[in-house]
């Protein structure tokens, strides 16, 4: 019988991840794939707070809403791409991360870049999810 569960793995012959992610996330055959646009730290009124951590809070709130709109739960997240224009307070981001996820972390890529779509955007997070 074919396994229809998303699985995550950190191979024993590799260094451990340097953060809260998995080296490999395997999607079962026949799963439905969901890709979000990058979620940003805009609030319900269309405003961007000036502080990075406030934008991170709004970004995670927006991620939860976009996932819920498709009936997706945290365990469906398979890949996260994070882009930021200034240093991330990883303790703060991981506190938001832990509220969203259990300890089965998806694959992740992080990049620091010079600009995002609007000058006031400090962080953008794209989510890939799969549901069997």
N, C-alpha and C. Protein backbone atom coordinates (compact mmCIF):
# COMPACT_ATOMS: atom_id res chain seq x y z
N UNK A 1 0.85 -1.19 0.00
CA UNK A 1 0.00 0.00 0.00
C UNK A 1 0.89 1.24 0.00
N UNK A 2 0.55 2.17 -0.84
CA UNK A 2 1.35 3.38 -0.99
C UNK A 2 1.12 4.34 0.17
N UNK A 3 2.20 4.94 0.66
CA UNK A 3 2.10 5.91 1.76
C UNK A 3 1.54 7.22 1.21
N UNK A 4 0.46 7.72 1.81
CA UNK A 4 -0.13 8.98 1.33
C UNK A 4 0.07 10.11 2.34
N UNK A 5 1.13 10.02 3.12
CA UNK A 5 1.42 11.04 4.11
C UNK A 5 2.66 11.83 3.69
N UNK A 6 2.64 13.12 3.94
CA UNK A 6 3.83 13.95 3.71
C UNK A 6 4.87 13.53 4.73
N UNK A 7 6.09 13.29 4.28
CA UNK A 7 7.15 12.89 5.20
C UNK A 7 8.31 13.88 5.12
N UNK A 8 9.01 14.01 6.23
CA UNK A 8 10.16 14.92 6.33
C UNK A 8 11.35 14.13 6.83
N UNK A 9 12.55 14.51 6.36
CA UNK A 9 13.72 13.71 6.71
C UNK A 9 14.96 14.59 6.74
N UNK A 10 15.83 14.27 7.66
CA UNK A 10 17.18 14.83 7.72
C UNK A 10 18.13 13.64 7.66
N UNK A 11 18.74 13.41 6.49
CA UNK A 11 19.61 12.24 6.35
C UNK A 11 20.73 12.21 7.39
N UNK A 12 21.02 11.01 7.89
CA UNK A 12 22.05 10.84 8.91
C UNK A 12 23.44 11.21 8.42
N UNK A 13 23.70 11.12 7.12
CA UNK A 13 25.03 11.40 6.58
C UNK A 13 25.25 12.87 6.25
N UNK A 14 24.35 13.74 6.70
CA UNK A 14 24.45 15.18 6.45
C UNK A 14 24.51 15.94 7.76
N UNK A 15 25.04 17.16 7.71
CA UNK A 15 24.97 18.00 8.91
C UNK A 15 23.50 18.28 9.26
N UNK A 16 23.22 18.46 10.53
CA UNK A 16 21.87 18.80 10.97
C UNK A 16 21.47 20.16 10.38
N UNK A 17 20.19 20.40 10.17
CA UNK A 17 19.75 21.71 9.70
C UNK A 17 20.24 22.82 10.65
N UNK A 18 20.52 23.97 10.10
CA UNK A 18 20.98 25.10 10.92
C UNK A 18 19.81 25.90 11.49
N UNK A 19 18.61 25.47 11.22
CA UNK A 19 17.41 26.14 11.73
C UNK A 19 16.28 25.14 11.82
N UNK A 20 15.07 25.65 11.98
CA UNK A 20 13.89 24.80 12.12
C UNK A 20 13.31 24.48 10.75
N UNK A 21 13.94 23.54 10.07
CA UNK A 21 13.49 23.06 8.78
C UNK A 21 13.99 21.64 8.60
N UNK A 22 13.49 20.97 7.55
CA UNK A 22 13.95 19.63 7.19
C UNK A 22 14.68 19.70 5.86
N UNK A 23 15.69 18.86 5.71
CA UNK A 23 16.42 18.83 4.44
C UNK A 23 15.56 18.31 3.29
N UNK A 24 14.70 17.34 3.58
CA UNK A 24 13.87 16.74 2.53
C UNK A 24 12.42 16.68 3.01
N UNK A 25 11.51 17.09 2.14
CA UNK A 25 10.09 16.90 2.37
C UNK A 25 9.54 16.14 1.17
N UNK A 26 8.96 14.99 1.41
CA UNK A 26 8.45 14.13 0.33
C UNK A 26 6.94 14.23 0.25
N UNK A 27 6.45 14.50 -0.96
CA UNK A 27 5.02 14.64 -1.20
C UNK A 27 4.50 13.34 -1.80
N UNK A 28 3.43 12.78 -1.25
CA UNK A 28 2.92 11.53 -1.80
C UNK A 28 2.33 11.70 -3.20
N UNK A 29 2.45 10.64 -3.98
CA UNK A 29 1.88 10.63 -5.32
C UNK A 29 0.39 10.94 -5.23
N UNK A 30 -0.10 11.77 -6.13
CA UNK A 30 -1.52 12.09 -6.19
C UNK A 30 -1.95 13.22 -5.26
N UNK A 31 -1.02 13.80 -4.53
CA UNK A 31 -1.38 14.91 -3.63
C UNK A 31 -1.70 16.16 -4.45
N UNK A 32 -2.58 16.98 -3.91
CA UNK A 32 -2.91 18.25 -4.53
C UNK A 32 -1.91 19.29 -4.04
N UNK A 33 -1.35 20.07 -4.95
CA UNK A 33 -0.32 21.05 -4.61
C UNK A 33 -0.92 22.45 -4.55
N UNK A 34 -0.53 23.21 -3.52
CA UNK A 34 -0.97 24.59 -3.33
C UNK A 34 0.27 25.46 -3.19
N UNK A 35 0.31 26.58 -3.90
CA UNK A 35 1.41 27.53 -3.80
C UNK A 35 0.81 28.90 -3.53
N UNK A 36 1.25 29.54 -2.44
CA UNK A 36 0.73 30.87 -2.13
C UNK A 36 1.62 31.93 -2.77
N UNK A 37 1.06 33.06 -3.00
CA UNK A 37 1.88 34.23 -3.29
C UNK A 37 2.63 34.55 -2.02
N UNK A 38 3.70 35.29 -2.14
CA UNK A 38 4.43 35.70 -0.95
C UNK A 38 3.53 36.51 -0.03
N UNK A 39 3.45 36.09 1.22
CA UNK A 39 2.65 36.81 2.20
C UNK A 39 3.53 37.85 2.88
N UNK A 40 2.98 39.04 3.06
CA UNK A 40 3.73 40.16 3.61
C UNK A 40 3.07 40.67 4.88
N UNK A 41 3.72 41.61 5.55
CA UNK A 41 3.29 42.10 6.85
C UNK A 41 2.28 43.21 6.82
N UNK A 42 1.37 43.20 5.88
CA UNK A 42 0.32 44.21 5.80
C UNK A 42 -0.81 43.84 6.77
N UNK A 43 -1.38 44.86 7.43
CA UNK A 43 -2.49 44.59 8.35
C UNK A 43 -3.82 44.65 7.62
N UNK A 44 -4.92 44.44 8.33
CA UNK A 44 -6.26 44.43 7.73
C UNK A 44 -6.63 45.75 7.07
N UNK A 45 -5.98 46.84 7.49
CA UNK A 45 -6.27 48.16 6.92
C UNK A 45 -5.35 48.52 5.77
N UNK A 46 -4.52 47.56 5.34
CA UNK A 46 -3.61 47.82 4.23
C UNK A 46 -2.36 48.59 4.62
N UNK A 47 -2.07 48.63 5.92
CA UNK A 47 -0.92 49.37 6.42
C UNK A 47 0.23 48.42 6.76
N UNK A 48 1.45 48.91 6.56
CA UNK A 48 2.65 48.16 6.92
C UNK A 48 3.27 48.81 8.15
N UNK A 49 3.41 48.07 9.26
CA UNK A 49 4.12 48.62 10.42
C UNK A 49 5.58 48.87 10.03
N UNK A 50 6.23 49.79 10.73
CA UNK A 50 7.62 50.09 10.43
C UNK A 50 8.57 49.04 10.97
N UNK A 51 8.22 48.38 12.08
CA UNK A 51 9.13 47.42 12.71
C UNK A 51 9.01 46.03 12.08
N UNK A 52 10.16 45.42 11.85
CA UNK A 52 10.22 44.10 11.24
C UNK A 52 9.39 43.08 12.01
N UNK A 53 9.51 43.03 13.34
CA UNK A 53 8.78 42.01 14.11
C UNK A 53 7.27 42.18 14.00
N UNK A 54 6.80 43.40 13.88
CA UNK A 54 5.36 43.62 13.68
C UNK A 54 4.95 43.12 12.31
N UNK A 55 5.80 43.33 11.31
CA UNK A 55 5.50 42.79 9.98
C UNK A 55 5.51 41.26 10.00
N UNK A 56 6.42 40.68 10.77
CA UNK A 56 6.45 39.21 10.90
C UNK A 56 5.14 38.71 11.50
N UNK A 57 4.64 39.38 12.54
CA UNK A 57 3.36 38.99 13.15
C UNK A 57 2.24 39.00 12.12
N UNK A 58 2.14 40.09 11.36
CA UNK A 58 1.08 40.20 10.34
C UNK A 58 1.28 39.17 9.23
N UNK A 59 2.53 38.93 8.86
CA UNK A 59 2.81 37.95 7.81
C UNK A 59 2.30 36.57 8.23
N UNK A 60 2.59 36.15 9.46
CA UNK A 60 2.13 34.85 9.92
C UNK A 60 0.61 34.82 10.06
N UNK A 61 0.00 35.90 10.46
CA UNK A 61 -1.46 35.97 10.51
C UNK A 61 -2.04 35.78 9.11
N UNK A 62 -1.43 36.42 8.12
CA UNK A 62 -1.89 36.30 6.74
C UNK A 62 -1.66 34.89 6.20
N UNK A 63 -0.56 34.27 6.58
CA UNK A 63 -0.30 32.89 6.17
C UNK A 63 -1.40 31.97 6.72
N UNK A 64 -1.74 32.13 7.99
CA UNK A 64 -2.78 31.29 8.60
C UNK A 64 -4.11 31.46 7.86
N UNK A 65 -4.42 32.68 7.49
CA UNK A 65 -5.68 32.96 6.79
C UNK A 65 -5.70 32.34 5.39
N UNK A 66 -4.60 32.48 4.66
CA UNK A 66 -4.58 31.94 3.30
C UNK A 66 -4.62 30.41 3.32
N UNK A 67 -3.96 29.78 4.29
CA UNK A 67 -4.04 28.33 4.42
C UNK A 67 -5.46 27.88 4.77
N UNK A 68 -6.07 28.58 5.72
CA UNK A 68 -7.43 28.22 6.16
C UNK A 68 -8.44 28.35 5.01
N UNK A 69 -8.21 29.28 4.11
CA UNK A 69 -9.12 29.48 2.98
C UNK A 69 -9.22 28.24 2.10
N UNK A 70 -8.19 27.39 2.13
CA UNK A 70 -8.19 26.15 1.35
C UNK A 70 -8.28 24.91 2.23
N UNK A 71 -8.58 25.09 3.51
CA UNK A 71 -8.70 23.95 4.41
C UNK A 71 -7.37 23.28 4.70
N UNK A 72 -6.29 24.04 4.57
CA UNK A 72 -4.96 23.49 4.82
C UNK A 72 -4.54 23.72 6.26
N UNK A 73 -3.85 22.72 6.79
CA UNK A 73 -3.33 22.80 8.15
C UNK A 73 -1.80 22.86 8.09
N UNK A 74 -1.17 23.21 9.18
CA UNK A 74 0.30 23.32 9.19
C UNK A 74 1.02 22.08 8.67
N UNK A 75 0.49 20.89 8.95
CA UNK A 75 1.18 19.68 8.50
C UNK A 75 1.18 19.53 6.98
N UNK A 76 0.37 20.33 6.29
CA UNK A 76 0.35 20.30 4.83
C UNK A 76 1.47 21.15 4.22
N UNK A 77 2.11 21.99 5.01
CA UNK A 77 3.17 22.86 4.48
C UNK A 77 4.39 22.01 4.13
N UNK A 78 4.86 22.13 2.89
CA UNK A 78 6.00 21.33 2.44
C UNK A 78 7.25 22.16 2.17
N UNK A 79 7.09 23.45 1.89
CA UNK A 79 8.24 24.30 1.54
C UNK A 79 7.92 25.73 1.89
N UNK A 80 8.92 26.42 2.42
CA UNK A 80 8.78 27.83 2.78
C UNK A 80 9.96 28.58 2.18
N UNK A 81 9.67 29.67 1.51
CA UNK A 81 10.71 30.57 1.00
C UNK A 81 10.55 31.91 1.71
N UNK A 82 11.62 32.38 2.32
CA UNK A 82 11.59 33.64 3.08
C UNK A 82 12.57 34.61 2.44
N UNK A 83 12.07 35.81 2.15
CA UNK A 83 12.92 36.89 1.65
C UNK A 83 12.80 38.05 2.61
N UNK A 84 13.92 38.65 2.97
CA UNK A 84 13.92 39.79 3.90
C UNK A 84 14.93 40.82 3.42
N UNK A 85 14.63 42.08 3.75
CA UNK A 85 15.52 43.19 3.35
C UNK A 85 16.37 43.70 4.50
N UNK A 86 16.13 43.16 5.69
CA UNK A 86 16.97 43.51 6.85
C UNK A 86 17.08 42.27 7.73
N UNK A 87 18.04 42.26 8.65
CA UNK A 87 18.23 41.07 9.48
C UNK A 87 16.96 40.64 10.21
N UNK A 88 16.74 39.35 10.21
CA UNK A 88 15.58 38.76 10.88
C UNK A 88 15.95 38.46 12.33
N UNK A 89 15.07 38.81 13.24
CA UNK A 89 15.19 38.41 14.65
C UNK A 89 14.69 36.97 14.71
N UNK A 90 15.61 36.01 14.60
CA UNK A 90 15.23 34.61 14.48
C UNK A 90 14.49 34.10 15.71
N UNK A 91 14.81 34.58 16.88
CA UNK A 91 14.06 34.15 18.07
C UNK A 91 12.60 34.54 17.94
N UNK A 92 12.35 35.75 17.44
CA UNK A 92 10.97 36.20 17.27
C UNK A 92 10.29 35.42 16.16
N UNK A 93 10.95 35.30 15.00
CA UNK A 93 10.34 34.57 13.89
C UNK A 93 10.04 33.13 14.29
N UNK A 94 10.98 32.48 14.98
CA UNK A 94 10.74 31.10 15.38
C UNK A 94 9.63 30.98 16.42
N UNK A 95 9.39 32.01 17.21
CA UNK A 95 8.25 31.94 18.14
C UNK A 95 6.94 31.94 17.35
N UNK A 96 6.88 32.71 16.27
CA UNK A 96 5.70 32.69 15.39
C UNK A 96 5.62 31.36 14.65
N UNK A 97 6.77 30.88 14.19
CA UNK A 97 6.89 29.62 13.47
C UNK A 97 6.34 28.47 14.32
N UNK A 98 6.74 28.44 15.60
CA UNK A 98 6.30 27.37 16.50
C UNK A 98 4.79 27.42 16.75
N UNK A 99 4.21 28.63 16.74
CA UNK A 99 2.76 28.73 16.90
C UNK A 99 2.03 28.16 15.68
N UNK A 100 2.68 28.23 14.51
CA UNK A 100 2.07 27.74 13.28
C UNK A 100 2.31 26.24 13.09
N UNK A 101 3.52 25.78 13.36
CA UNK A 101 3.91 24.40 13.05
C UNK A 101 4.12 23.56 14.29
N UNK A 102 4.09 22.25 14.07
CA UNK A 102 4.56 21.35 15.12
C UNK A 102 6.06 21.21 14.91
N UNK A 103 6.66 20.16 15.37
CA UNK A 103 8.09 20.00 15.18
C UNK A 103 8.43 19.24 13.90
N UNK A 104 7.47 19.03 13.02
CA UNK A 104 7.73 18.44 11.70
C UNK A 104 7.89 19.59 10.71
N UNK A 105 9.12 20.05 10.58
CA UNK A 105 9.38 21.25 9.80
C UNK A 105 9.47 20.97 8.31
N UNK A 106 8.93 21.86 7.49
CA UNK A 106 9.05 21.72 6.05
C UNK A 106 10.45 22.14 5.57
N UNK A 107 10.71 21.94 4.30
CA UNK A 107 11.93 22.45 3.69
C UNK A 107 11.85 23.98 3.69
N UNK A 108 13.03 24.65 3.71
CA UNK A 108 13.03 26.11 3.80
C UNK A 108 14.23 26.69 3.06
N UNK A 109 14.00 27.85 2.45
CA UNK A 109 15.07 28.66 1.88
C UNK A 109 14.90 30.07 2.40
N UNK A 110 16.02 30.70 2.78
CA UNK A 110 16.01 32.08 3.29
C UNK A 110 16.99 32.90 2.46
N UNK A 111 16.56 34.08 2.06
CA UNK A 111 17.45 34.97 1.32
C UNK A 111 17.29 36.40 1.81
N UNK A 112 18.42 37.09 1.94
CA UNK A 112 18.41 38.52 2.20
C UNK A 112 18.64 39.21 0.87
N UNK A 113 17.75 40.14 0.55
CA UNK A 113 17.81 40.84 -0.73
C UNK A 113 17.73 42.34 -0.49
N UNK A 114 17.93 43.12 -1.54
CA UNK A 114 17.95 44.57 -1.36
C UNK A 114 16.58 45.22 -1.37
N UNK A 115 15.59 44.59 -2.01
CA UNK A 115 14.26 45.20 -2.06
C UNK A 115 13.21 44.14 -2.34
N UNK A 116 11.99 44.42 -1.90
CA UNK A 116 10.83 43.59 -2.22
C UNK A 116 9.87 44.45 -3.07
N UNK A 117 8.66 44.00 -3.29
CA UNK A 117 7.73 44.64 -4.22
C UNK A 117 7.37 46.08 -3.92
N UNK A 118 7.34 46.46 -2.66
CA UNK A 118 7.07 47.84 -2.25
C UNK A 118 8.15 48.25 -1.25
N UNK A 119 8.52 49.52 -1.22
CA UNK A 119 9.60 49.94 -0.32
C UNK A 119 9.33 49.68 1.16
N UNK A 120 8.06 49.64 1.59
CA UNK A 120 7.75 49.43 3.00
C UNK A 120 7.76 47.96 3.42
N UNK A 121 7.84 47.04 2.47
CA UNK A 121 7.84 45.62 2.80
C UNK A 121 9.24 45.20 3.25
N UNK A 122 9.29 44.60 4.45
CA UNK A 122 10.57 44.15 5.02
C UNK A 122 10.77 42.64 4.91
N UNK A 123 9.66 41.89 4.82
CA UNK A 123 9.75 40.42 4.77
C UNK A 123 8.59 39.89 3.93
N UNK A 124 8.88 38.81 3.21
CA UNK A 124 7.86 38.14 2.40
C UNK A 124 8.09 36.64 2.54
N UNK A 125 7.00 35.90 2.78
CA UNK A 125 7.10 34.45 2.98
C UNK A 125 6.12 33.75 2.05
N UNK A 126 6.67 32.88 1.22
CA UNK A 126 5.90 32.08 0.29
C UNK A 126 5.75 30.67 0.86
N UNK A 127 4.55 30.12 0.78
CA UNK A 127 4.25 28.80 1.30
C UNK A 127 3.85 27.86 0.17
N UNK A 128 4.45 26.68 0.18
CA UNK A 128 4.03 25.58 -0.68
C UNK A 128 3.40 24.54 0.24
N UNK A 129 2.26 24.00 -0.16
CA UNK A 129 1.57 23.01 0.64
C UNK A 129 1.05 21.90 -0.25
N UNK A 130 0.85 20.73 0.32
CA UNK A 130 0.29 19.59 -0.42
C UNK A 130 -0.69 18.87 0.49
N UNK A 131 -1.74 18.37 -0.14
CA UNK A 131 -2.78 17.67 0.61
C UNK A 131 -3.16 16.42 -0.16
N UNK A 132 -3.02 15.27 0.48
CA UNK A 132 -3.33 14.00 -0.18
C UNK A 132 -4.82 13.77 -0.20
